[in-house]
């Protein structure tokens, strides 16, 4: 089963709403990704985003967009300086 990035964002959102910690969400989804037959459609960026989400206190969706753009060597444009400054320099403000 392939888990899309949209579904992954929704799962994180729901777990946050249930007051799970960033660490427990990251750990649970990392373990979930290791189950045979489960794969994320963007595996490396998704797992990287989970770590950034946990360690840098940024929104998961922002971490995922940053990770996907970085992997694809695409330019990321955002007005969200606060979160993207924590992740690195590979973005620009419009």
PDB file of N, CA and C in Angstrom:
ATOM      1  N   UNK A   1       0.847  -1.166   0.000  1.00  0.00           N
ATOM      2  CA  UNK A   1       0.000   0.000   0.000  1.00  0.00           C
ATOM      3  C   UNK A   1       0.897   1.234   0.000  1.00  0.00           C
ATOM      4  N   UNK A   2       0.573   2.158  -0.882  1.00  0.00           N
ATOM      5  CA  UNK A   2       1.311   3.415  -0.965  1.00  0.00           C
ATOM      6  C   UNK A   2       0.546   4.492  -0.203  1.00  0.00           C
ATOM      7  N   UNK A   3       1.245   5.162   0.689  1.00  0.00           N
ATOM      8  CA  UNK A   3       0.662   6.237   1.484  1.00  0.00           C
ATOM      9  C   UNK A   3       1.089   7.561   0.863  1.00  0.00           C
ATOM     10  N   UNK A   4       0.119   8.341   0.402  1.00  0.00           N
ATOM     11  CA  UNK A   4       0.444   9.613  -0.237  1.00  0.00           C
ATOM     12  C   UNK A   4       0.878  10.644   0.805  1.00  0.00           C
ATOM     13  N   UNK A   5       1.547  11.666   0.326  1.00  0.00           N
ATOM     14  CA  UNK A   5       1.983  12.728   1.231  1.00  0.00           C
ATOM     15  C   UNK A   5       0.780  13.457   1.830  1.00  0.00           C
ATOM     16  N   UNK A   6      -0.307  13.546   1.076  1.00  0.00           N
ATOM     17  CA  UNK A   6      -1.519  14.191   1.606  1.00  0.00           C
ATOM     18  C   UNK A   6      -2.067  13.424   2.804  1.00  0.00           C
ATOM     19  N   UNK A   7      -2.106  12.107   2.672  1.00  0.00           N
ATOM     20  CA  UNK A   7      -2.606  11.272   3.775  1.00  0.00           C
ATOM     21  C   UNK A   7      -1.676  11.393   4.968  1.00  0.00           C
ATOM     22  N   UNK A   8      -0.387  11.391   4.724  1.00  0.00           N
ATOM     23  CA  UNK A   8       0.585  11.523   5.805  1.00  0.00           C
ATOM     24  C   UNK A   8       0.386  12.841   6.556  1.00  0.00           C
ATOM     25  N   UNK A   9       0.157  13.920   5.833  1.00  0.00           N
ATOM     26  CA  UNK A   9      -0.103  15.224   6.483  1.00  0.00           C
ATOM     27  C   UNK A   9      -1.366  15.154   7.339  1.00  0.00           C
ATOM     28  N   UNK A  10      -2.396  14.517   6.838  1.00  0.00           N
ATOM     29  CA  UNK A  10      -3.646  14.396   7.592  1.00  0.00           C
ATOM     30  C   UNK A  10      -3.467  13.561   8.852  1.00  0.00           C
ATOM     31  N   UNK A  11      -2.697  12.488   8.754  1.00  0.00           N
ATOM     32  CA  UNK A  11      -2.447  11.634   9.928  1.00  0.00           C
ATOM     33  C   UNK A  11      -1.729  12.440  11.004  1.00  0.00           C
ATOM     34  N   UNK A  12      -0.711  13.185  10.611  1.00  0.00           N
ATOM     35  CA  UNK A  12       0.012  14.019  11.581  1.00  0.00           C
ATOM     36  C   UNK A  12      -0.949  15.029  12.205  1.00  0.00           C
ATOM     37  N   UNK A  13      -1.768  15.660  11.398  1.00  0.00           N
ATOM     38  CA  UNK A  13      -2.722  16.656  11.877  1.00  0.00           C
ATOM     39  C   UNK A  13      -3.689  16.050  12.907  1.00  0.00           C
ATOM     40  N   UNK A  14      -4.213  14.870  12.596  1.00  0.00           N
ATOM     41  CA  UNK A  14      -5.149  14.211  13.515  1.00  0.00           C
ATOM     42  C   UNK A  14      -4.447  13.816  14.813  1.00  0.00           C
ATOM     43  N   UNK A  15      -3.250  13.261  14.715  1.00  0.00           N
ATOM     44  CA  UNK A  15      -2.521  12.855  15.926  1.00  0.00           C
ATOM     45  C   UNK A  15      -2.167  14.061  16.795  1.00  0.00           C
ATOM     46  N   UNK A  16      -1.830  15.180  16.162  1.00  0.00           N
ATOM     47  CA  UNK A  16      -1.589  16.414  16.932  1.00  0.00           C
ATOM     48  C   UNK A  16      -2.863  16.831  17.672  1.00  0.00           C
ATOM     49  N   UNK A  17      -3.993  16.721  16.986  1.00  0.00           N
ATOM     50  CA  UNK A  17      -5.268  17.082  17.590  1.00  0.00           C
ATOM     51  C   UNK A  17      -5.638  16.203  18.770  1.00  0.00           C
ATOM     52  N   UNK A  18      -5.077  14.997  18.796  1.00  0.00           N
ATOM     53  CA  UNK A  18      -5.287  14.074  19.912  1.00  0.00           C
ATOM     54  C   UNK A  18      -4.205  14.240  20.986  1.00  0.00           C
ATOM     55  N   UNK A  19      -3.434  15.321  20.862  1.00  0.00           N
ATOM     56  CA  UNK A  19      -2.396  15.696  21.833  1.00  0.00           C
ATOM     57  C   UNK A  19      -1.232  14.723  21.941  1.00  0.00           C
ATOM     58  N   UNK A  20      -0.908  14.051  20.845  1.00  0.00           N
ATOM     59  CA  UNK A  20       0.305  13.228  20.830  1.00  0.00           C
ATOM     60  C   UNK A  20       1.503  14.144  20.633  1.00  0.00           C
ATOM     61  N   UNK A  21       2.611  13.796  21.227  1.00  0.00           N
ATOM     62  CA  UNK A  21       3.816  14.616  21.106  1.00  0.00           C
ATOM     63  C   UNK A  21       4.443  14.440  19.725  1.00  0.00           C
ATOM     64  N   UNK A  22       5.256  15.396  19.351  1.00  0.00           N
ATOM     65  CA  UNK A  22       5.975  15.298  18.080  1.00  0.00           C
ATOM     66  C   UNK A  22       6.849  14.046  18.044  1.00  0.00           C
ATOM     67  N   UNK A  23       7.479  13.747  19.172  1.00  0.00           N
ATOM     68  CA  UNK A  23       8.337  12.562  19.233  1.00  0.00           C
ATOM     69  C   UNK A  23       7.529  11.288  19.026  1.00  0.00           C
ATOM     70  N   UNK A  24       6.385  11.176  19.684  1.00  0.00           N
ATOM     71  CA  UNK A  24       5.590   9.955  19.537  1.00  0.00           C
ATOM     72  C   UNK A  24       5.022   9.836  18.125  1.00  0.00           C
ATOM     73  N   UNK A  25       4.643  10.956  17.509  1.00  0.00           N
ATOM     74  CA  UNK A  25       4.145  10.927  16.129  1.00  0.00           C
ATOM     75  C   UNK A  25       5.254  10.486  15.181  1.00  0.00           C
ATOM     76  N   UNK A  26       6.424  11.075  15.331  1.00  0.00           N
ATOM     77  CA  UNK A  26       7.570  10.711  14.492  1.00  0.00           C
ATOM     78  C   UNK A  26       7.921   9.240  14.655  1.00  0.00           C
ATOM     79  N   UNK A  27       7.994   8.777  15.896  1.00  0.00           N
ATOM     80  CA  UNK A  27       8.343   7.377  16.160  1.00  0.00           C
ATOM     81  C   UNK A  27       7.309   6.419  15.572  1.00  0.00           C
ATOM     82  N   UNK A  28       6.032   6.732  15.776  1.00  0.00           N
ATOM     83  CA  UNK A  28       4.961   5.849  15.290  1.00  0.00           C
ATOM     84  C   UNK A  28       4.951   5.775  13.765  1.00  0.00           C
ATOM     85  N   UNK A  29       5.091   6.910  13.097  1.00  0.00           N
ATOM     86  CA  UNK A  29       5.044   6.903  11.635  1.00  0.00           C
ATOM     87  C   UNK A  29       6.313   6.321  11.023  1.00  0.00           C
ATOM     88  N   UNK A  30       7.432   6.478  11.689  1.00  0.00           N
ATOM     89  CA  UNK A  30       8.666   5.841  11.222  1.00  0.00           C
ATOM     90  C   UNK A  30       8.540   4.325  11.327  1.00  0.00           C
ATOM     91  N   UNK A  31       7.992   3.838  12.431  1.00  0.00           N
ATOM     92  CA  UNK A  31       7.755   2.397  12.577  1.00  0.00           C
ATOM     93  C   UNK A  31       6.744   1.908  11.551  1.00  0.00           C
ATOM     94  N   UNK A  32       5.683   2.687  11.339  1.00  0.00           N
ATOM     95  CA  UNK A  32       4.670   2.331  10.345  1.00  0.00           C
ATOM     96  C   UNK A  32       5.299   2.185   8.964  1.00  0.00           C
ATOM     97  N   UNK A  33       6.204   3.097   8.614  1.00  0.00           N
ATOM     98  CA  UNK A  33       6.860   3.069   7.304  1.00  0.00           C
ATOM     99  C   UNK A  33       7.743   1.837   7.118  1.00  0.00           C
ATOM    100  N   UNK A  34       8.152   1.222   8.226  1.00  0.00           N
ATOM    101  CA  UNK A  34       9.032   0.051   8.125  1.00  0.00           C
ATOM    102  C   UNK A  34       8.258  -1.272   7.982  1.00  0.00           C
ATOM    103  N   UNK A  35       6.940  -1.223   8.048  1.00  0.00           N
ATOM    104  CA  UNK A  35       6.122  -2.431   7.895  1.00  0.00           C
ATOM    105  C   UNK A  35       6.180  -2.891   6.445  1.00  0.00           C
ATOM    106  N   UNK A  36       6.408  -4.180   6.264  1.00  0.00           N
ATOM    107  CA  UNK A  36       6.467  -4.732   4.915  1.00  0.00           C
ATOM    108  C   UNK A  36       5.127  -4.501   4.210  1.00  0.00           C
ATOM    109  N   UNK A  37       5.196  -3.995   2.993  1.00  0.00           N
ATOM    110  CA  UNK A  37       3.992  -3.724   2.224  1.00  0.00           C
ATOM    111  C   UNK A  37       3.499  -2.295   2.339  1.00  0.00           C
ATOM    112  N   UNK A  38       4.101  -1.516   3.237  1.00  0.00           N
ATOM    113  CA  UNK A  38       3.753  -0.104   3.391  1.00  0.00           C
ATOM    114  C   UNK A  38       4.879   0.723   2.788  1.00  0.00           C
ATOM    115  N   UNK A  39       4.517   1.677   1.961  1.00  0.00           N
ATOM    116  CA  UNK A  39       5.535   2.599   1.454  1.00  0.00           C
ATOM    117  C   UNK A  39       4.924   3.981   1.288  1.00  0.00           C
ATOM    118  N   UNK A  40       5.757   4.978   1.527  1.00  0.00           N
ATOM    119  CA  UNK A  40       5.354   6.356   1.294  1.00  0.00           C
ATOM    120  C   UNK A  40       5.677   6.683  -0.157  1.00  0.00           C
ATOM    121  N   UNK A  41       4.826   7.475  -0.825  1.00  0.00           N
ATOM    122  CA  UNK A  41       5.120   7.795  -2.222  1.00  0.00           C
ATOM    123  C   UNK A  41       6.339   8.711  -2.353  1.00  0.00           C
ATOM    124  N   UNK A  42       6.730   9.369  -1.303  1.00  0.00           N
ATOM    125  CA  UNK A  42       7.966  10.177  -1.242  1.00  0.00           C
ATOM    126  C   UNK A  42       8.734   9.718   0.005  1.00  0.00           C
ATOM    127  N   UNK A  43       9.330   8.502  -0.020  1.00  0.00           N
ATOM    128  CA  UNK A  43       9.871   7.925   1.219  1.00  0.00           C
ATOM    129  C   UNK A  43      10.977   8.725   1.900  1.00  0.00           C
ATOM    130  N   UNK A  44      12.010   9.108   1.178  1.00  0.00           N
ATOM    131  CA  UNK A  44      13.125   9.829   1.813  1.00  0.00           C
ATOM    132  C   UNK A  44      12.666  11.199   2.320  1.00  0.00           C
ATOM    133  N   UNK A  45      12.004  12.013   1.485  1.00  0.00           N
ATOM    134  CA  UNK A  45      11.542  13.303   1.998  1.00  0.00           C
ATOM    135  C   UNK A  45      10.553  13.166   3.154  1.00  0.00           C
ATOM    136  N   UNK A  46       9.703  12.158   3.133  1.00  0.00           N
ATOM    137  CA  UNK A  46       8.722  11.989   4.209  1.00  0.00           C
ATOM    138  C   UNK A  46       9.405  11.692   5.533  1.00  0.00           C
ATOM    139  N   UNK A  47      10.369  10.794   5.510  1.00  0.00           N
ATOM    140  CA  UNK A  47      11.073  10.447   6.749  1.00  0.00           C
ATOM    141  C   UNK A  47      11.950  11.604   7.220  1.00  0.00           C
ATOM    142  N   UNK A  48      12.576  12.301   6.283  1.00  0.00           N
ATOM    143  CA  UNK A  48      13.370  13.483   6.632  1.00  0.00           C
ATOM    144  C   UNK A  48      12.472  14.553   7.243  1.00  0.00           C
ATOM    145  N   UNK A  49      11.287  14.734   6.667  1.00  0.00           N
ATOM    146  CA  UNK A  49      10.339  15.730   7.174  1.00  0.00           C
ATOM    147  C   UNK A  49       9.888  15.387   8.589  1.00  0.00           C
ATOM    148  N   UNK A  50       9.681  14.102   8.869  1.00  0.00           N
ATOM    149  CA  UNK A  50       9.284  13.706  10.226  1.00  0.00           C
ATOM    150  C   UNK A  50      10.350  14.098  11.243  1.00  0.00           C
ATOM    151  N   UNK A  51      11.603  13.918  10.892  1.00  0.00           N
ATOM    152  CA  UNK A  51      12.694  14.283  11.800  1.00  0.00           C
ATOM    153  C   UNK A  51      12.763  15.802  11.970  1.00  0.00           C
ATOM    154  N   UNK A  52      12.631  16.540  10.873  1.00  0.00           N
ATOM    155  CA  UNK A  52      12.640  18.011  10.974  1.00  0.00           C
ATOM    156  C   UNK A  52      11.461  18.500  11.812  1.00  0.00           C
ATOM    157  N   UNK A  53      10.306  17.917  11.588  1.00  0.00           N
ATOM    158  CA  UNK A  53       9.099  18.253  12.357  1.00  0.00           C
ATOM    159  C   UNK A  53       9.338  18.040  13.848  1.00  0.00           C
ATOM    160  N   UNK A  54       9.949  16.906  14.181  1.00  0.00           N
ATOM    161  CA  UNK A  54      10.219  16.573  15.585  1.00  0.00           C
ATOM    162  C   UNK A  54      11.287  17.473  16.191  1.00  0.00           C
ATOM    163  N   UNK A  55      12.377  17.671  15.474  1.00  0.00           N
ATOM    164  CA  UNK A  55      13.550  18.327  16.046  1.00  0.00           C
ATOM    165  C   UNK A  55      13.560  19.853  15.920  1.00  0.00           C
ATOM    166  N   UNK A  56      12.894  20.409  14.914  1.00  0.00           N
ATOM    167  CA  UNK A  56      12.993  21.843  14.651  1.00  0.00           C
ATOM    168  C   UNK A  56      11.724  22.613  15.003  1.00  0.00           C
ATOM    169  N   UNK A  57      10.720  21.918  15.513  1.00  0.00           N
ATOM    170  CA  UNK A  57       9.465  22.556  15.915  1.00  0.00           C
ATOM    171  C   UNK A  57       8.847  23.356  14.769  1.00  0.00           C
ATOM    172  N   UNK A  58       8.719  22.709  13.612  1.00  0.00           N
ATOM    173  CA  UNK A  58       8.059  23.306  12.446  1.00  0.00           C
ATOM    174  C   UNK A  58       6.843  22.462  12.094  1.00  0.00           C
ATOM    175  N   UNK A  59       5.914  23.048  11.344  1.00  0.00           N
ATOM    176  CA  UNK A  59       4.759  22.283  10.892  1.00  0.00           C
ATOM    177  C   UNK A  59       5.221  21.140   9.999  1.00  0.00           C
ATOM    178  N   UNK A  60       4.541  20.004  10.123  1.00  0.00           N
ATOM    179  CA  UNK A  60       4.940  18.860   9.301  1.00  0.00           C
ATOM    180  C   UNK A  60       4.810  19.172   7.821  1.00  0.00           C
ATOM    181  N   UNK A  61       3.733  19.829   7.423  1.00  0.00           N
ATOM    182  CA  UNK A  61       3.537  20.117   5.998  1.00  0.00           C
ATOM    183  C   UNK A  61       4.658  21.011   5.460  1.00  0.00           C
ATOM    184  N   UNK A  62       5.124  21.971   6.252  1.00  0.00           N
ATOM    185  CA  UNK A  62       6.245  22.814   5.833  1.00  0.00           C
ATOM    186  C   UNK A  62       7.518  21.980   5.695  1.00  0.00           C
ATOM    187  N   UNK A  63       7.768  21.118   6.657  1.00  0.00           N
ATOM    188  CA  UNK A  63       8.951  20.257   6.605  1.00  0.00           C
ATOM    189  C   UNK A  63       8.900  19.330   5.394  1.00  0.00           C
ATOM    190  N   UNK A  64       7.711  18.841   5.074  1.00  0.00           N
ATOM    191  CA  UNK A  64       7.558  17.944   3.926  1.00  0.00           C
ATOM    192  C   UNK A  64       7.797  18.692   2.612  1.00  0.00           C
ATOM    193  N   UNK A  65       7.210  19.866   2.463  1.00  0.00           N
ATOM    194  CA  UNK A  65       7.440  20.664   1.250  1.00  0.00           C
ATOM    195  C   UNK A  65       8.921  20.986   1.075  1.00  0.00           C
ATOM    196  N   UNK A  66       9.573  21.363   2.166  1.00  0.00           N
ATOM    197  CA  UNK A  66      10.997  21.683   2.125  1.00  0.00           C
ATOM    198  C   UNK A  66      11.817  20.451   1.716  1.00  0.00           C
ATOM    199  N   UNK A  67      11.497  19.301   2.302  1.00  0.00           N
ATOM    200  CA  UNK A  67      12.239  18.073   2.016  1.00  0.00           C
ATOM    201  C   UNK A  67      12.058  17.622   0.572  1.00  0.00           C
ATOM    202  N   UNK A  68      10.843  17.724   0.055  1.00  0.00           N
ATOM    203  CA  UNK A  68      10.586  17.332  -1.337  1.00  0.00           C
ATOM    204  C   UNK A  68      11.308  18.275  -2.296  1.00  0.00           C
ATOM    205  N   UNK A  69      11.206  19.576  -2.066  1.00  0.00           N
ATOM    206  CA  UNK A  69      11.878  20.549  -2.935  1.00  0.00           C
ATOM    207  C   UNK A  69      13.390  20.360  -2.909  1.00  0.00           C
ATOM    208  N   UNK A  70      13.938  20.109  -1.733  1.00  0.00           N
ATOM    209  CA  UNK A  70      15.386  19.897  -1.602  1.00  0.00           C
ATOM    210  C   UNK A  70      15.824  18.650  -2.372  1.00  0.00           C
ATOM    211  N   UNK A  71      15.075  17.567  -2.211  1.00  0.00           N
ATOM    212  CA  UNK A  71      15.420  16.313  -2.912  1.00  0.00           C
ATOM    213  C   UNK A  71      15.376  16.499  -4.423  1.00  0.00           C
ATOM    214  N   UNK A  72      14.392  17.219  -4.895  1.00  0.00           N
ATOM    215  CA  UNK A  72      14.233  17.430  -6.340  1.00  0.00           C
ATOM    216  C   UNK A  72      15.089  18.574  -6.876  1.00  0.00           C
ATOM    217  N   UNK A  73      15.801  19.243  -5.962  1.00  0.00           N
ATOM    218  CA  UNK A  73      16.631  20.401  -6.322  1.00  0.00           C
ATOM    219  C   UNK A  73      15.788  21.487  -6.985  1.00  0.00           C
ATOM    220  N   UNK A  74      14.594  21.694  -6.440  1.00  0.00           N
ATOM    221  CA  UNK A  74      13.682  22.729  -6.919  1.00  0.00           C
ATOM    222  C   UNK A  74      13.734  23.932  -5.982  1.00  0.00           C
ATOM    223  N   UNK A  75      13.464  25.085  -6.519  1.00  0.00           N
ATOM    224  CA  UNK A  75      13.425  26.302  -5.709  1.00  0.00           C
ATOM    225  C   UNK A  75      12.095  26.361  -4.964  1.00  0.00           C
ATOM    226  N   UNK A  76      12.157  26.614  -3.684  1.00  0.00           N
ATOM    227  CA  UNK A  76      10.968  26.743  -2.852  1.00  0.00           C
ATOM    228  C   UNK A  76      10.759  28.214  -2.537  1.00  0.00           C
ATOM    229  N   UNK A  77       9.550  28.696  -2.790  1.00  0.00           N
ATOM    230  CA  UNK A  77       9.184  30.084  -2.507  1.00  0.00           C
ATOM    231  C   UNK A  77       8.147  30.071  -1.398  1.00  0.00           C
ATOM    232  N   UNK A  78       8.362  30.917  -0.380  1.00  0.00           N
ATOM    233  CA  UNK A  78       7.419  30.973   0.733  1.00  0.00           C
ATOM    234  C   UNK A  78       7.493  32.310   1.453  1.00  0.00           C
ATOM    235  N   UNK A  79       6.378  32.684   2.062  1.00  0.00           N
ATOM    236  CA  UNK A  79       6.354  33.849   2.938  1.00  0.00           C
ATOM    237  C   UNK A  79       6.612  33.444   4.392  1.00  0.00           C
ATOM    238  N   UNK A  80       6.674  32.150   4.656  1.00  0.00           N
ATOM    239  CA  UNK A  80       6.792  31.621   6.022  1.00  0.00           C
ATOM    240  C   UNK A  80       8.251  31.600   6.471  1.00  0.00           C
ATOM    241  N   UNK A  81       8.816  32.760   6.727  1.00  0.00           N
ATOM    242  CA  UNK A  81      10.219  32.856   7.147  1.00  0.00           C
ATOM    243  C   UNK A  81      10.485  32.089   8.430  1.00  0.00           C
ATOM    244  N   UNK A  82       9.563  32.184   9.356  1.00  0.00           N
ATOM    245  CA  UNK A  82       9.765  31.633  10.703  1.00  0.00           C
ATOM    246  C   UNK A  82      10.134  30.147  10.654  1.00  0.00           C
ATOM    247  N   UNK A  83       9.390  29.345   9.937  1.00  0.00           N
ATOM    248  CA  UNK A  83       9.669  27.908   9.906  1.00  0.00           C
ATOM    249  C   UNK A  83      10.815  27.565   8.964  1.00  0.00           C
ATOM    250  N   UNK A  84      10.848  28.200   7.811  1.00  0.00           N
ATOM    251  CA  UNK A  84      11.849  27.814   6.829  1.00  0.00           C
ATOM    252  C   UNK A  84      13.257  28.238   7.229  1.00  0.00           C
ATOM    253  N   UNK A  85      13.407  29.308   8.010  1.00  0.00           N
ATOM    254  CA  UNK A  85      14.730  29.689   8.488  1.00  0.00           C
ATOM    255  C   UNK A  85      15.309  28.604   9.388  1.00  0.00           C
ATOM    256  N   UNK A  86      14.468  27.882  10.102  1.00  0.00           N
ATOM    257  CA  UNK A  86      14.944  26.803  10.978  1.00  0.00           C
ATOM    258  C   UNK A  86      15.457  25.611  10.184  1.00  0.00           C
ATOM    259  N   UNK A  87      14.989  25.457   8.951  1.00  0.00           N
ATOM    260  CA  UNK A  87      15.322  24.258   8.181  1.00  0.00           C
ATOM    261  C   UNK A  87      16.531  24.439   7.291  1.00  0.00           C
ATOM    262  N   UNK A  88      16.871  25.659   6.914  1.00  0.00           N
ATOM    263  CA  UNK A  88      18.027  25.860   6.065  1.00  0.00           C
ATOM    264  C   UNK A  88      17.828  27.002   5.103  1.00  0.00           C
ATOM    265  N   UNK A  89      18.709  27.095   4.130  1.00  0.00           N
ATOM    266  CA  UNK A  89      18.744  28.247   3.253  1.00  0.00           C
ATOM    267  C   UNK A  89      18.171  27.974   1.856  1.00  0.00           C
ATOM    268  N   UNK A  90      17.643  26.809   1.621  1.00  0.00           N
ATOM    269  CA  UNK A  90      17.185  26.447   0.282  1.00  0.00           C
ATOM    270  C   UNK A  90      15.742  26.887   0.011  1.00  0.00           C
ATOM    271  N   UNK A  91      15.471  28.168   0.207  1.00  0.00           N
ATOM    272  CA  UNK A  91      14.154  28.740  -0.069  1.00  0.00           C
ATOM    273  C   UNK A  91      14.328  30.232  -0.312  1.00  0.00           C
ATOM    274  N   UNK A  92      13.333  30.834  -0.905  1.00  0.00           N
ATOM    275  CA  UNK A  92      13.370  32.277  -1.144  1.00  0.00           C
ATOM    276  C   UNK A  92      11.997  32.857  -0.832  1.00  0.00           C
ATOM    277  N   UNK A  93      12.004  34.117  -0.441  1.00  0.00           N
ATOM    278  CA  UNK A  93      10.754  34.848  -0.224  1.00  0.00           C
ATOM    279  C   UNK A  93      10.361  35.489  -1.551  1.00  0.00           C
ATOM    280  N   UNK A  94       9.079  35.381  -1.931  1.00  0.00           N
ATOM    281  CA  UNK A  94       8.627  35.988  -3.196  1.00  0.00           C
ATOM    282  C   UNK A  94       8.780  37.497  -3.182  1.00  0.00           C
TER     283      UNK A  94
END
